[in-house]
């Protein structure tokens, strides 16, 4: 399963300027916020979580919330994604991959999920 999300950086910038950390905490944990260097990083993280929810086929909502999707970085700084144990089990997920990119006015994320047959 694959999910993709694209976000305009200006949208993220306006939300951060208007609501500050309160907005960021809506979709990021305190640990994830430590990884956010600027609005580009925040936009990439937003896109990653949206792309993941699309790959799951749920979207962000009751079944899968922003905080059920956890973002981190590898030792080399590459983005890494993990899911709450309940989602892993429910969707029989065996592997999950994430790519985030920025260009011009946009950030994009792609999430690929592999499942195992029960």
PDB file of N, CA and C in Angstrom:
ATOM      1  N   UNK A   1       0.854  -1.164   0.000  1.00  0.00           N
ATOM      2  CA  UNK A   1       0.000   0.000   0.000  1.00  0.00           C
ATOM      3  C   UNK A   1       0.902   1.229   0.000  1.00  0.00           C
ATOM      4  N   UNK A   2       0.490   2.230  -0.781  1.00  0.00           N
ATOM      5  CA  UNK A   2       1.280   3.452  -0.903  1.00  0.00           C
ATOM      6  C   UNK A   2       0.395   4.652  -0.631  1.00  0.00           C
ATOM      7  N   UNK A   3       0.949   5.623   0.077  1.00  0.00           N
ATOM      8  CA  UNK A   3       0.259   6.881   0.324  1.00  0.00           C
ATOM      9  C   UNK A   3       1.182   8.038  -0.011  1.00  0.00           C
ATOM     10  N   UNK A   4       0.605   9.104  -0.561  1.00  0.00           N
ATOM     11  CA  UNK A   4       1.361  10.296  -0.934  1.00  0.00           C
ATOM     12  C   UNK A   4       0.624  11.518  -0.417  1.00  0.00           C
ATOM     13  N   UNK A   5       1.390  12.522   0.034  1.00  0.00           N
ATOM     14  CA  UNK A   5       0.778  13.793   0.408  1.00  0.00           C
ATOM     15  C   UNK A   5       1.715  14.929   0.014  1.00  0.00           C
ATOM     16  N   UNK A   6       1.116  16.010  -0.444  1.00  0.00           N
ATOM     17  CA  UNK A   6       1.820  17.210  -0.877  1.00  0.00           C
ATOM     18  C   UNK A   6       1.249  18.391  -0.111  1.00  0.00           C
ATOM     19  N   UNK A   7       2.111  19.260   0.394  1.00  0.00           N
ATOM     20  CA  UNK A   7       1.652  20.427   1.129  1.00  0.00           C
ATOM     21  C   UNK A   7       2.457  21.644   0.692  1.00  0.00           C
ATOM     22  N   UNK A   8       1.767  22.760   0.549  1.00  0.00           N
ATOM     23  CA  UNK A   8       2.430  24.022   0.223  1.00  0.00           C
ATOM     24  C   UNK A   8       3.042  24.586   1.511  1.00  0.00           C
ATOM     25  N   UNK A   9       4.309  24.957   1.443  1.00  0.00           N
ATOM     26  CA  UNK A   9       5.018  25.440   2.626  1.00  0.00           C
ATOM     27  C   UNK A   9       4.355  26.659   3.243  1.00  0.00           C
ATOM     28  N   UNK A  10       3.776  27.510   2.436  1.00  0.00           N
ATOM     29  CA  UNK A  10       3.135  28.716   2.954  1.00  0.00           C
ATOM     30  C   UNK A  10       1.957  28.385   3.867  1.00  0.00           C
ATOM     31  N   UNK A  11       1.263  27.308   3.577  1.00  0.00           N
ATOM     32  CA  UNK A  11       0.153  26.875   4.440  1.00  0.00           C
ATOM     33  C   UNK A  11       0.663  26.542   5.842  1.00  0.00           C
ATOM     34  N   UNK A  12       1.779  25.823   5.911  1.00  0.00           N
ATOM     35  CA  UNK A  12       2.367  25.478   7.200  1.00  0.00           C
ATOM     36  C   UNK A  12       2.865  26.744   7.900  1.00  0.00           C
ATOM     37  N   UNK A  13       3.510  27.619   7.164  1.00  0.00           N
ATOM     38  CA  UNK A  13       4.037  28.858   7.738  1.00  0.00           C
ATOM     39  C   UNK A  13       2.927  29.684   8.382  1.00  0.00           C
ATOM     40  N   UNK A  14       1.813  29.840   7.679  1.00  0.00           N
ATOM     41  CA  UNK A  14       0.683  30.623   8.217  1.00  0.00           C
ATOM     42  C   UNK A  14       0.121  29.989   9.485  1.00  0.00           C
ATOM     43  N   UNK A  15      -0.011  28.679   9.504  1.00  0.00           N
ATOM     44  CA  UNK A  15      -0.548  27.991  10.684  1.00  0.00           C
ATOM     45  C   UNK A  15       0.376  28.143  11.883  1.00  0.00           C
ATOM     46  N   UNK A  16       1.673  28.037  11.649  1.00  0.00           N
ATOM     47  CA  UNK A  16       2.638  28.183  12.747  1.00  0.00           C
ATOM     48  C   UNK A  16       2.633  29.625  13.253  1.00  0.00           C
ATOM     49  N   UNK A  17       2.602  30.585  12.334  1.00  0.00           N
ATOM     50  CA  UNK A  17       2.576  31.990  12.746  1.00  0.00           C
ATOM     51  C   UNK A  17       1.320  32.313  13.542  1.00  0.00           C
ATOM     52  N   UNK A  18       0.208  31.732  13.153  1.00  0.00           N
ATOM     53  CA  UNK A  18      -1.067  32.030  13.809  1.00  0.00           C
ATOM     54  C   UNK A  18      -1.224  31.322  15.157  1.00  0.00           C
ATOM     55  N   UNK A  19      -0.829  30.047  15.216  1.00  0.00           N
ATOM     56  CA  UNK A  19      -1.102  29.243  16.413  1.00  0.00           C
ATOM     57  C   UNK A  19       0.141  28.757  17.158  1.00  0.00           C
ATOM     58  N   UNK A  20       1.323  28.895  16.577  1.00  0.00           N
ATOM     59  CA  UNK A  20       2.569  28.518  17.234  1.00  0.00           C
ATOM     60  C   UNK A  20       2.650  27.051  17.607  1.00  0.00           C
ATOM     61  N   UNK A  21       3.234  26.788  18.776  1.00  0.00           N
ATOM     62  CA  UNK A  21       3.436  25.406  19.229  1.00  0.00           C
ATOM     63  C   UNK A  21       2.123  24.654  19.426  1.00  0.00           C
ATOM     64  N   UNK A  22       1.054  25.365  19.724  1.00  0.00           N
ATOM     65  CA  UNK A  22      -0.249  24.709  19.893  1.00  0.00           C
ATOM     66  C   UNK A  22      -0.636  23.978  18.605  1.00  0.00           C
ATOM     67  N   UNK A  23      -0.376  24.599  17.471  1.00  0.00           N
ATOM     68  CA  UNK A  23      -0.658  23.953  16.190  1.00  0.00           C
ATOM     69  C   UNK A  23       0.252  22.744  15.989  1.00  0.00           C
ATOM     70  N   UNK A  24       1.546  22.916  16.250  1.00  0.00           N
ATOM     71  CA  UNK A  24       2.492  21.817  16.048  1.00  0.00           C
ATOM     72  C   UNK A  24       2.164  20.621  16.929  1.00  0.00           C
ATOM     73  N   UNK A  25       1.748  20.888  18.169  1.00  0.00           N
ATOM     74  CA  UNK A  25       1.413  19.793  19.084  1.00  0.00           C
ATOM     75  C   UNK A  25       0.146  19.048  18.668  1.00  0.00           C
ATOM     76  N   UNK A  26      -0.624  19.637  17.784  1.00  0.00           N
ATOM     77  CA  UNK A  26      -1.813  18.963  17.265  1.00  0.00           C
ATOM     78  C   UNK A  26      -1.430  17.709  16.477  1.00  0.00           C
ATOM     79  N   UNK A  27      -0.269  17.775  15.800  1.00  0.00           N
ATOM     80  CA  UNK A  27       0.118  16.622  14.996  1.00  0.00           C
ATOM     81  C   UNK A  27       1.495  16.057  15.329  1.00  0.00           C
ATOM     82  N   UNK A  28       2.236  16.718  16.204  1.00  0.00           N
ATOM     83  CA  UNK A  28       3.566  16.244  16.583  1.00  0.00           C
ATOM     84  C   UNK A  28       3.658  15.996  18.086  1.00  0.00           C
ATOM     85  N   UNK A  29       4.445  15.005  18.463  1.00  0.00           N
ATOM     86  CA  UNK A  29       4.745  14.792  19.878  1.00  0.00           C
ATOM     87  C   UNK A  29       5.850  15.767  20.276  1.00  0.00           C
ATOM     88  N   UNK A  30       6.070  15.966  21.580  1.00  0.00           N
ATOM     89  CA  UNK A  30       7.189  16.818  22.001  1.00  0.00           C
ATOM     90  C   UNK A  30       8.537  16.331  21.446  1.00  0.00           C
ATOM     91  N   UNK A  31       8.743  15.022  21.380  1.00  0.00           N
ATOM     92  CA  UNK A  31       9.996  14.478  20.832  1.00  0.00           C
ATOM     93  C   UNK A  31      10.126  14.806  19.346  1.00  0.00           C
ATOM     94  N   UNK A  32       9.025  14.716  18.606  1.00  0.00           N
ATOM     95  CA  UNK A  32       9.055  15.057  17.182  1.00  0.00           C
ATOM     96  C   UNK A  32       9.307  16.552  16.982  1.00  0.00           C
ATOM     97  N   UNK A  33       8.748  17.371  17.871  1.00  0.00           N
ATOM     98  CA  UNK A  33       8.956  18.819  17.751  1.00  0.00           C
ATOM     99  C   UNK A  33      10.435  19.182  17.867  1.00  0.00           C
ATOM    100  N   UNK A  34      11.200  18.421  18.623  1.00  0.00           N
ATOM    101  CA  UNK A  34      12.635  18.683  18.752  1.00  0.00           C
ATOM    102  C   UNK A  34      13.372  18.502  17.426  1.00  0.00           C
ATOM    103  N   UNK A  35      12.788  17.725  16.520  1.00  0.00           N
ATOM    104  CA  UNK A  35      13.394  17.478  15.208  1.00  0.00           C
ATOM    105  C   UNK A  35      13.040  18.560  14.179  1.00  0.00           C
ATOM    106  N   UNK A  36      12.049  19.363  14.487  1.00  0.00           N
ATOM    107  CA  UNK A  36      11.575  20.389  13.547  1.00  0.00           C
ATOM    108  C   UNK A  36      12.516  21.591  13.605  1.00  0.00           C
ATOM    109  N   UNK A  37      13.174  21.850  12.481  1.00  0.00           N
ATOM    110  CA  UNK A  37      14.109  22.964  12.394  1.00  0.00           C
ATOM    111  C   UNK A  37      13.454  24.232  11.872  1.00  0.00           C
ATOM    112  N   UNK A  38      12.434  24.062  11.042  1.00  0.00           N
ATOM    113  CA  UNK A  38      11.767  25.202  10.405  1.00  0.00           C
ATOM    114  C   UNK A  38      10.440  24.736   9.811  1.00  0.00           C
ATOM    115  N   UNK A  39       9.764  25.639   9.120  1.00  0.00           N
ATOM    116  CA  UNK A  39       8.457  25.293   8.543  1.00  0.00           C
ATOM    117  C   UNK A  39       8.575  24.221   7.462  1.00  0.00           C
ATOM    118  N   UNK A  40       9.724  24.131   6.795  1.00  0.00           N
ATOM    119  CA  UNK A  40       9.907  23.087   5.788  1.00  0.00           C
ATOM    120  C   UNK A  40       9.877  21.707   6.435  1.00  0.00           C
ATOM    121  N   UNK A  41      10.582  21.569   7.555  1.00  0.00           N
ATOM    122  CA  UNK A  41      10.590  20.293   8.268  1.00  0.00           C
ATOM    123  C   UNK A  41       9.192  19.960   8.779  1.00  0.00           C
ATOM    124  N   UNK A  42       8.524  20.946   9.359  1.00  0.00           N
ATOM    125  CA  UNK A  42       7.166  20.729   9.874  1.00  0.00           C
ATOM    126  C   UNK A  42       6.231  20.301   8.747  1.00  0.00           C
ATOM    127  N   UNK A  43       6.337  20.947   7.606  1.00  0.00           N
ATOM    128  CA  UNK A  43       5.484  20.590   6.463  1.00  0.00           C
ATOM    129  C   UNK A  43       5.771  19.168   6.000  1.00  0.00           C
ATOM    130  N   UNK A  44       7.034  18.791   5.962  1.00  0.00           N
ATOM    131  CA  UNK A  44       7.391  17.423   5.576  1.00  0.00           C
ATOM    132  C   UNK A  44       6.838  16.400   6.546  1.00  0.00           C
ATOM    133  N   UNK A  45       6.871  16.722   7.845  1.00  0.00           N
ATOM    134  CA  UNK A  45       6.309  15.813   8.847  1.00  0.00           C
ATOM    135  C   UNK A  45       4.799  15.697   8.709  1.00  0.00           C
ATOM    136  N   UNK A  46       4.131  16.823   8.448  1.00  0.00           N
ATOM    137  CA  UNK A  46       2.680  16.793   8.223  1.00  0.00           C
ATOM    138  C   UNK A  46       2.371  15.881   7.036  1.00  0.00           C
ATOM    139  N   UNK A  47       3.079  16.101   5.938  1.00  0.00           N
ATOM    140  CA  UNK A  47       2.857  15.304   4.731  1.00  0.00           C
ATOM    141  C   UNK A  47       3.122  13.822   5.001  1.00  0.00           C
ATOM    142  N   UNK A  48       4.150  13.517   5.801  1.00  0.00           N
ATOM    143  CA  UNK A  48       4.470  12.124   6.111  1.00  0.00           C
ATOM    144  C   UNK A  48       3.330  11.443   6.857  1.00  0.00           C
ATOM    145  N   UNK A  49       2.772  12.127   7.833  1.00  0.00           N
ATOM    146  CA  UNK A  49       1.683  11.527   8.611  1.00  0.00           C
ATOM    147  C   UNK A  49       0.417  11.383   7.775  1.00  0.00           C
ATOM    148  N   UNK A  50       0.141  12.364   6.934  1.00  0.00           N
ATOM    149  CA  UNK A  50      -1.018  12.260   6.035  1.00  0.00           C
ATOM    150  C   UNK A  50      -0.813  11.127   5.030  1.00  0.00           C
ATOM    151  N   UNK A  51       0.379  11.031   4.459  1.00  0.00           N
ATOM    152  CA  UNK A  51       0.662   9.967   3.492  1.00  0.00           C
ATOM    153  C   UNK A  51       0.526   8.589   4.134  1.00  0.00           C
ATOM    154  N   UNK A  52       0.982   8.464   5.368  1.00  0.00           N
ATOM    155  CA  UNK A  52       0.872   7.193   6.085  1.00  0.00           C
ATOM    156  C   UNK A  52      -0.590   6.808   6.285  1.00  0.00           C
ATOM    157  N   UNK A  53      -1.406   7.769   6.706  1.00  0.00           N
ATOM    158  CA  UNK A  53      -2.825   7.464   6.930  1.00  0.00           C
ATOM    159  C   UNK A  53      -3.514   7.073   5.623  1.00  0.00           C
ATOM    160  N   UNK A  54      -3.073   7.653   4.521  1.00  0.00           N
ATOM    161  CA  UNK A  54      -3.632   7.289   3.208  1.00  0.00           C
ATOM    162  C   UNK A  54      -3.190   5.883   2.810  1.00  0.00           C
ATOM    163  N   UNK A  55      -1.932   5.545   3.090  1.00  0.00           N
ATOM    164  CA  UNK A  55      -1.449   4.197   2.778  1.00  0.00           C
ATOM    165  C   UNK A  55      -2.224   3.146   3.575  1.00  0.00           C
ATOM    166  N   UNK A  56      -2.598   3.503   4.796  1.00  0.00           N
ATOM    167  CA  UNK A  56      -3.394   2.589   5.621  1.00  0.00           C
ATOM    168  C   UNK A  56      -4.830   2.474   5.117  1.00  0.00           C
ATOM    169  N   UNK A  57      -5.256   3.465   4.345  1.00  0.00           N
ATOM    170  CA  UNK A  57      -6.629   3.481   3.848  1.00  0.00           C
ATOM    171  C   UNK A  57      -7.623   4.047   4.849  1.00  0.00           C
ATOM    172  N   UNK A  58      -7.117   4.723   5.881  1.00  0.00           N
ATOM    173  CA  UNK A  58      -7.998   5.231   6.931  1.00  0.00           C
ATOM    174  C   UNK A  58      -8.144   6.744   6.912  1.00  0.00           C
ATOM    175  N   UNK A  59      -7.102   7.448   6.456  1.00  0.00           N
ATOM    176  CA  UNK A  59      -7.061   8.888   6.641  1.00  0.00           C
ATOM    177  C   UNK A  59      -6.851   9.179   8.116  1.00  0.00           C
ATOM    178  N   UNK A  60      -6.656  10.445   8.432  1.00  0.00           N
ATOM    179  CA  UNK A  60      -6.519  10.843   9.829  1.00  0.00           C
ATOM    180  C   UNK A  60      -7.912  10.956  10.424  1.00  0.00           C
ATOM    181  N   UNK A  61      -8.129  10.266  11.518  1.00  0.00           N
ATOM    182  CA  UNK A  61      -9.445  10.277  12.146  1.00  0.00           C
ATOM    183  C   UNK A  61      -9.460   9.390  13.372  1.00  0.00           C
ATOM    184  N   UNK A  62     -10.609   8.799  13.613  1.00  0.00           N
ATOM    185  CA  UNK A  62     -10.792   7.987  14.812  1.00  0.00           C
ATOM    186  C   UNK A  62      -9.909   6.732  14.806  1.00  0.00           C
ATOM    187  N   UNK A  63      -9.789   6.104  13.654  1.00  0.00           N
ATOM    188  CA  UNK A  63      -9.030   4.854  13.574  1.00  0.00           C
ATOM    189  C   UNK A  63      -7.515   5.076  13.608  1.00  0.00           C
ATOM    190  N   UNK A  64      -7.068   6.187  13.061  1.00  0.00           N
ATOM    191  CA  UNK A  64      -5.638   6.506  13.015  1.00  0.00           C
ATOM    192  C   UNK A  64      -5.468   7.999  13.220  1.00  0.00           C
ATOM    193  N   UNK A  65      -4.935   8.373  14.366  1.00  0.00           N
ATOM    194  CA  UNK A  65      -4.699   9.781  14.659  1.00  0.00           C
ATOM    195  C   UNK A  65      -3.259  10.171  14.372  1.00  0.00           C
ATOM    196  N   UNK A  66      -3.004  11.469  14.330  1.00  0.00           N
ATOM    197  CA  UNK A  66      -1.649  11.961  14.088  1.00  0.00           C
ATOM    198  C   UNK A  66      -0.640  11.362  15.065  1.00  0.00           C
ATOM    199  N   UNK A  67      -1.040  11.177  16.313  1.00  0.00           N
ATOM    200  CA  UNK A  67      -0.108  10.697  17.332  1.00  0.00           C
ATOM    201  C   UNK A  67       0.057   9.183  17.341  1.00  0.00           C
ATOM    202  N   UNK A  68      -0.686   8.484  16.479  1.00  0.00           N
ATOM    203  CA  UNK A  68      -0.473   7.050  16.288  1.00  0.00           C
ATOM    204  C   UNK A  68       0.671   6.793  15.312  1.00  0.00           C
ATOM    205  N   UNK A  69       1.093   7.844  14.627  1.00  0.00           N
ATOM    206  CA  UNK A  69       2.178   7.778  13.651  1.00  0.00           C
ATOM    207  C   UNK A  69       3.363   8.534  14.263  1.00  0.00           C
ATOM    208  N   UNK A  70       4.494   7.857  14.401  1.00  0.00           N
ATOM    209  CA  UNK A  70       5.649   8.446  15.081  1.00  0.00           C
ATOM    210  C   UNK A  70       6.803   8.610  14.095  1.00  0.00           C
ATOM    211  N   UNK A  71       7.326   9.825  14.040  1.00  0.00           N
ATOM    212  CA  UNK A  71       8.444  10.130  13.159  1.00  0.00           C
ATOM    213  C   UNK A  71       9.717  10.313  13.973  1.00  0.00           C
ATOM    214  N   UNK A  72      10.817   9.854  13.408  1.00  0.00           N
ATOM    215  CA  UNK A  72      12.126  10.025  14.039  1.00  0.00           C
ATOM    216  C   UNK A  72      13.145  10.122  12.909  1.00  0.00           C
ATOM    217  N   UNK A  73      14.401  10.139  13.292  1.00  0.00           N
ATOM    218  CA  UNK A  73      15.480  10.211  12.304  1.00  0.00           C
ATOM    219  C   UNK A  73      16.494   9.111  12.590  1.00  0.00           C
ATOM    220  N   UNK A  74      17.109   8.607  11.529  1.00  0.00           N
ATOM    221  CA  UNK A  74      18.183   7.639  11.687  1.00  0.00           C
ATOM    222  C   UNK A  74      19.450   8.384  12.120  1.00  0.00           C
ATOM    223  N   UNK A  75      20.501   7.645  12.414  1.00  0.00           N
ATOM    224  CA  UNK A  75      21.778   8.262  12.788  1.00  0.00           C
ATOM    225  C   UNK A  75      22.298   9.182  11.697  1.00  0.00           C
ATOM    226  N   UNK A  76      21.970   8.877  10.456  1.00  0.00           N
ATOM    227  CA  UNK A  76      22.416   9.699   9.321  1.00  0.00           C
ATOM    228  C   UNK A  76      21.444  10.822   8.978  1.00  0.00           C
ATOM    229  N   UNK A  77      20.343  10.928   9.724  1.00  0.00           N
ATOM    230  CA  UNK A  77      19.386  12.008   9.506  1.00  0.00           C
ATOM    231  C   UNK A  77      18.246  11.701   8.560  1.00  0.00           C
ATOM    232  N   UNK A  78      18.152  10.465   8.102  1.00  0.00           N
ATOM    233  CA  UNK A  78      17.040  10.080   7.229  1.00  0.00           C
ATOM    234  C   UNK A  78      15.765   9.936   8.060  1.00  0.00           C
ATOM    235  N   UNK A  79      14.621  10.286   7.473  1.00  0.00           N
ATOM    236  CA  UNK A  79      13.372  10.150   8.232  1.00  0.00           C
ATOM    237  C   UNK A  79      13.004   8.681   8.426  1.00  0.00           C
ATOM    238  N   UNK A  80      12.419   8.406   9.576  1.00  0.00           N
ATOM    239  CA  UNK A  80      11.975   7.059   9.913  1.00  0.00           C
ATOM    240  C   UNK A  80      10.553   7.178  10.447  1.00  0.00           C
ATOM    241  N   UNK A  81       9.749   6.181  10.183  1.00  0.00           N
ATOM    242  CA  UNK A  81       8.354   6.213  10.603  1.00  0.00           C
ATOM    243  C   UNK A  81       7.999   4.906  11.300  1.00  0.00           C
ATOM    244  N   UNK A  82       7.182   5.010  12.341  1.00  0.00           N
ATOM    245  CA  UNK A  82       6.672   3.819  13.019  1.00  0.00           C
ATOM    246  C   UNK A  82       5.224   4.081  13.410  1.00  0.00           C
ATOM    247  N   UNK A  83       4.536   3.012  13.724  1.00  0.00           N
ATOM    248  CA  UNK A  83       3.111   3.096  14.045  1.00  0.00           C
ATOM    249  C   UNK A  83       2.820   2.508  15.409  1.00  0.00           C
ATOM    250  N   UNK A  84       1.717   2.930  15.982  1.00  0.00           N
ATOM    251  CA  UNK A  84       1.237   2.361  17.236  1.00  0.00           C
ATOM    252  C   UNK A  84       1.034   0.859  17.045  1.00  0.00           C
ATOM    253  N   UNK A  85       1.307   0.101  18.092  1.00  0.00           N
ATOM    254  CA  UNK A  85       1.211  -1.358  18.034  1.00  0.00           C
ATOM    255  C   UNK A  85      -0.153  -1.835  17.551  1.00  0.00           C
ATOM    256  N   UNK A  86      -1.212  -1.152  17.963  1.00  0.00           N
ATOM    257  CA  UNK A  86      -2.561  -1.561  17.551  1.00  0.00           C
ATOM    258  C   UNK A  86      -2.731  -1.494  16.034  1.00  0.00           C
ATOM    259  N   UNK A  87      -2.172  -0.450  15.410  1.00  0.00           N
ATOM    260  CA  UNK A  87      -2.276  -0.320  13.952  1.00  0.00           C
ATOM    261  C   UNK A  87      -1.441  -1.376  13.243  1.00  0.00           C
ATOM    262  N   UNK A  88      -0.252  -1.640  13.765  1.00  0.00           N
ATOM    263  CA  UNK A  88       0.593  -2.676  13.163  1.00  0.00           C
ATOM    264  C   UNK A  88      -0.136  -4.018  13.138  1.00  0.00           C
ATOM    265  N   UNK A  89      -0.749  -4.350  14.265  1.00  0.00           N
ATOM    266  CA  UNK A  89      -1.453  -5.632  14.376  1.00  0.00           C
ATOM    267  C   UNK A  89      -2.709  -5.654  13.511  1.00  0.00           C
ATOM    268  N   UNK A  90      -3.513  -4.606  13.597  1.00  0.00           N
ATOM    269  CA  UNK A  90      -4.777  -4.569  12.865  1.00  0.00           C
ATOM    270  C   UNK A  90      -4.576  -4.682  11.357  1.00  0.00           C
ATOM    271  N   UNK A  91      -3.518  -4.055  10.844  1.00  0.00           N
ATOM    272  CA  UNK A  91      -3.277  -4.033   9.402  1.00  0.00           C
ATOM    273  C   UNK A  91      -2.219  -5.044   8.954  1.00  0.00           C
ATOM    274  N   UNK A  92      -1.769  -5.902   9.890  1.00  0.00           N
ATOM    275  CA  UNK A  92      -0.762  -6.929   9.585  1.00  0.00           C
ATOM    276  C   UNK A  92       0.472  -6.347   8.899  1.00  0.00           C
ATOM    277  N   UNK A  93       0.994  -5.258   9.430  1.00  0.00           N
ATOM    278  CA  UNK A  93       2.110  -4.560   8.798  1.00  0.00           C
ATOM    279  C   UNK A  93       3.422  -5.244   9.150  1.00  0.00           C
ATOM    280  N   UNK A  94       4.187  -5.555   8.108  1.00  0.00           N
ATOM    281  CA  UNK A  94       5.497  -6.178   8.317  1.00  0.00           C
ATOM    282  C   UNK A  94       6.634  -5.184   8.095  1.00  0.00           C
ATOM    283  N   UNK A  95       6.409  -4.144   7.300  1.00  0.00           N
ATOM    284  CA  UNK A  95       7.445  -3.142   7.057  1.00  0.00           C
ATOM    285  C   UNK A  95       6.785  -1.848   6.593  1.00  0.00           C
ATOM    286  N   UNK A  96       7.464  -0.735   6.880  1.00  0.00           N
ATOM    287  CA  UNK A  96       6.960   0.573   6.490  1.00  0.00           C
ATOM    288  C   UNK A  96       8.149   1.454   6.132  1.00  0.00           C
ATOM    289  N   UNK A  97       8.026   2.173   5.020  1.00  0.00           N
ATOM    290  CA  UNK A  97       9.107   3.034   4.540  1.00  0.00           C
ATOM    291  C   UNK A  97       8.570   4.431   4.277  1.00  0.00           C
ATOM    292  N   UNK A  98       9.455   5.424   4.436  1.00  0.00           N
ATOM    293  CA  UNK A  98       9.079   6.821   4.280  1.00  0.00           C
ATOM    294  C   UNK A  98      10.135   7.579   3.489  1.00  0.00           C
ATOM    295  N   UNK A  99       9.676   8.449   2.602  1.00  0.00           N
ATOM    296  CA  UNK A  99      10.551   9.386   1.917  1.00  0.00           C
ATOM    297  C   UNK A  99       9.889  10.760   1.969  1.00  0.00           C
ATOM    298  N   UNK A 100      10.679  11.777   2.338  1.00  0.00           N
ATOM    299  CA  UNK A 100      10.206  13.160   2.388  1.00  0.00           C
ATOM    300  C   UNK A 100      11.127  13.994   1.510  1.00  0.00           C
ATOM    301  N   UNK A 101      10.528  14.897   0.726  1.00  0.00           N
ATOM    302  CA  UNK A 101      11.334  15.778  -0.107  1.00  0.00           C
ATOM    303  C   UNK A 101      10.728  17.176  -0.108  1.00  0.00           C
ATOM    304  N   UNK A 102      11.581  18.159  -0.342  1.00  0.00           N
ATOM    305  CA  UNK A 102      11.157  19.554  -0.417  1.00  0.00           C
ATOM    306  C   UNK A 102      11.687  20.141  -1.717  1.00  0.00           C
ATOM    307  N   UNK A 103      10.854  20.946  -2.380  1.00  0.00           N
ATOM    308  CA  UNK A 103      11.307  21.647  -3.572  1.00  0.00           C
ATOM    309  C   UNK A 103      10.470  22.906  -3.734  1.00  0.00           C
ATOM    310  N   UNK A 104      11.149  24.015  -3.840  1.00  0.00           N
ATOM    311  CA  UNK A 104      10.431  25.269  -4.027  1.00  0.00           C
ATOM    312  C   UNK A 104       9.451  25.527  -2.908  1.00  0.00           C
ATOM    313  N   UNK A 105       8.189  25.665  -3.270  1.00  0.00           N
ATOM    314  CA  UNK A 105       7.130  26.006  -2.326  1.00  0.00           C
ATOM    315  C   UNK A 105       6.427  24.796  -1.720  1.00  0.00           C
ATOM    316  N   UNK A 106       6.942  23.585  -1.959  1.00  0.00           N
ATOM    317  CA  UNK A 106       6.212  22.378  -1.560  1.00  0.00           C
ATOM    318  C   UNK A 106       7.078  21.379  -0.792  1.00  0.00           C
ATOM    319  N   UNK A 107       6.388  20.592   0.024  1.00  0.00           N
ATOM    320  CA  UNK A 107       6.967  19.406   0.663  1.00  0.00           C
ATOM    321  C   UNK A 107       6.092  18.231   0.262  1.00  0.00           C
ATOM    322  N   UNK A 108       6.714  17.102   0.013  1.00  0.00           N
ATOM    323  CA  UNK A 108       5.986  15.893  -0.373  1.00  0.00           C
ATOM    324  C   UNK A 108       6.510  14.718   0.436  1.00  0.00           C
ATOM    325  N   UNK A 109       5.628  13.786   0.725  1.00  0.00           N
ATOM    326  CA  UNK A 109       6.022  12.564   1.426  1.00  0.00           C
ATOM    327  C   UNK A 109       5.338  11.370   0.770  1.00  0.00           C
ATOM    328  N   UNK A 110       6.073  10.268   0.736  1.00  0.00           N
ATOM    329  CA  UNK A 110       5.550   9.006   0.220  1.00  0.00           C
ATOM    330  C   UNK A 110       5.792   7.944   1.285  1.00  0.00           C
ATOM    331  N   UNK A 111       4.768   7.169   1.585  1.00  0.00           N
ATOM    332  CA  UNK A 111       4.863   6.081   2.543  1.00  0.00           C
ATOM    333  C   UNK A 111       4.458   4.788   1.847  1.00  0.00           C
ATOM    334  N   UNK A 112       5.298   3.771   1.989  1.00  0.00           N
ATOM    335  CA  UNK A 112       4.987   2.443   1.456  1.00  0.00           C
ATOM    336  C   UNK A 112       4.868   1.471   2.630  1.00  0.00           C
ATOM    337  N   UNK A 113       3.782   0.733   2.629  1.00  0.00           N
ATOM    338  CA  UNK A 113       3.518  -0.227   3.701  1.00  0.00           C
ATOM    339  C   UNK A 113       3.429  -1.634   3.101  1.00  0.00           C
ATOM    340  N   UNK A 114       4.155  -2.557   3.725  1.00  0.00           N
ATOM    341  CA  UNK A 114       4.081  -3.955   3.333  1.00  0.00           C
ATOM    342  C   UNK A 114       3.311  -4.697   4.428  1.00  0.00           C
ATOM    343  N   UNK A 115       2.441  -5.587   3.987  1.00  0.00           N
ATOM    344  CA  UNK A 115       1.667  -6.374   4.945  1.00  0.00           C
ATOM    345  C   UNK A 115       2.021  -7.851   4.792  1.00  0.00           C
ATOM    346  N   UNK A 116       1.781  -8.575   5.861  1.00  0.00           N
ATOM    347  CA  UNK A 116       1.961 -10.024   5.823  1.00  0.00           C
ATOM    348  C   UNK A 116       0.591 -10.655   5.902  1.00  0.00           C
ATOM    349  N   UNK A 117       0.445 -11.745   5.259  1.00  0.00           N
ATOM    350  CA  UNK A 117      -0.839 -12.458   5.310  1.00  0.00           C
ATOM    351  C   UNK A 117      -1.001 -13.118   6.669  1.00  0.00           C
ATOM    352  N   UNK A 118      -2.198 -13.033   7.251  1.00  0.00           N
ATOM    353  CA  UNK A 118      -2.416 -13.664   8.567  1.00  0.00           C
ATOM    354  C   UNK A 118      -2.359 -15.181   8.499  1.00  0.00           C
TER     355      UNK A 118
END
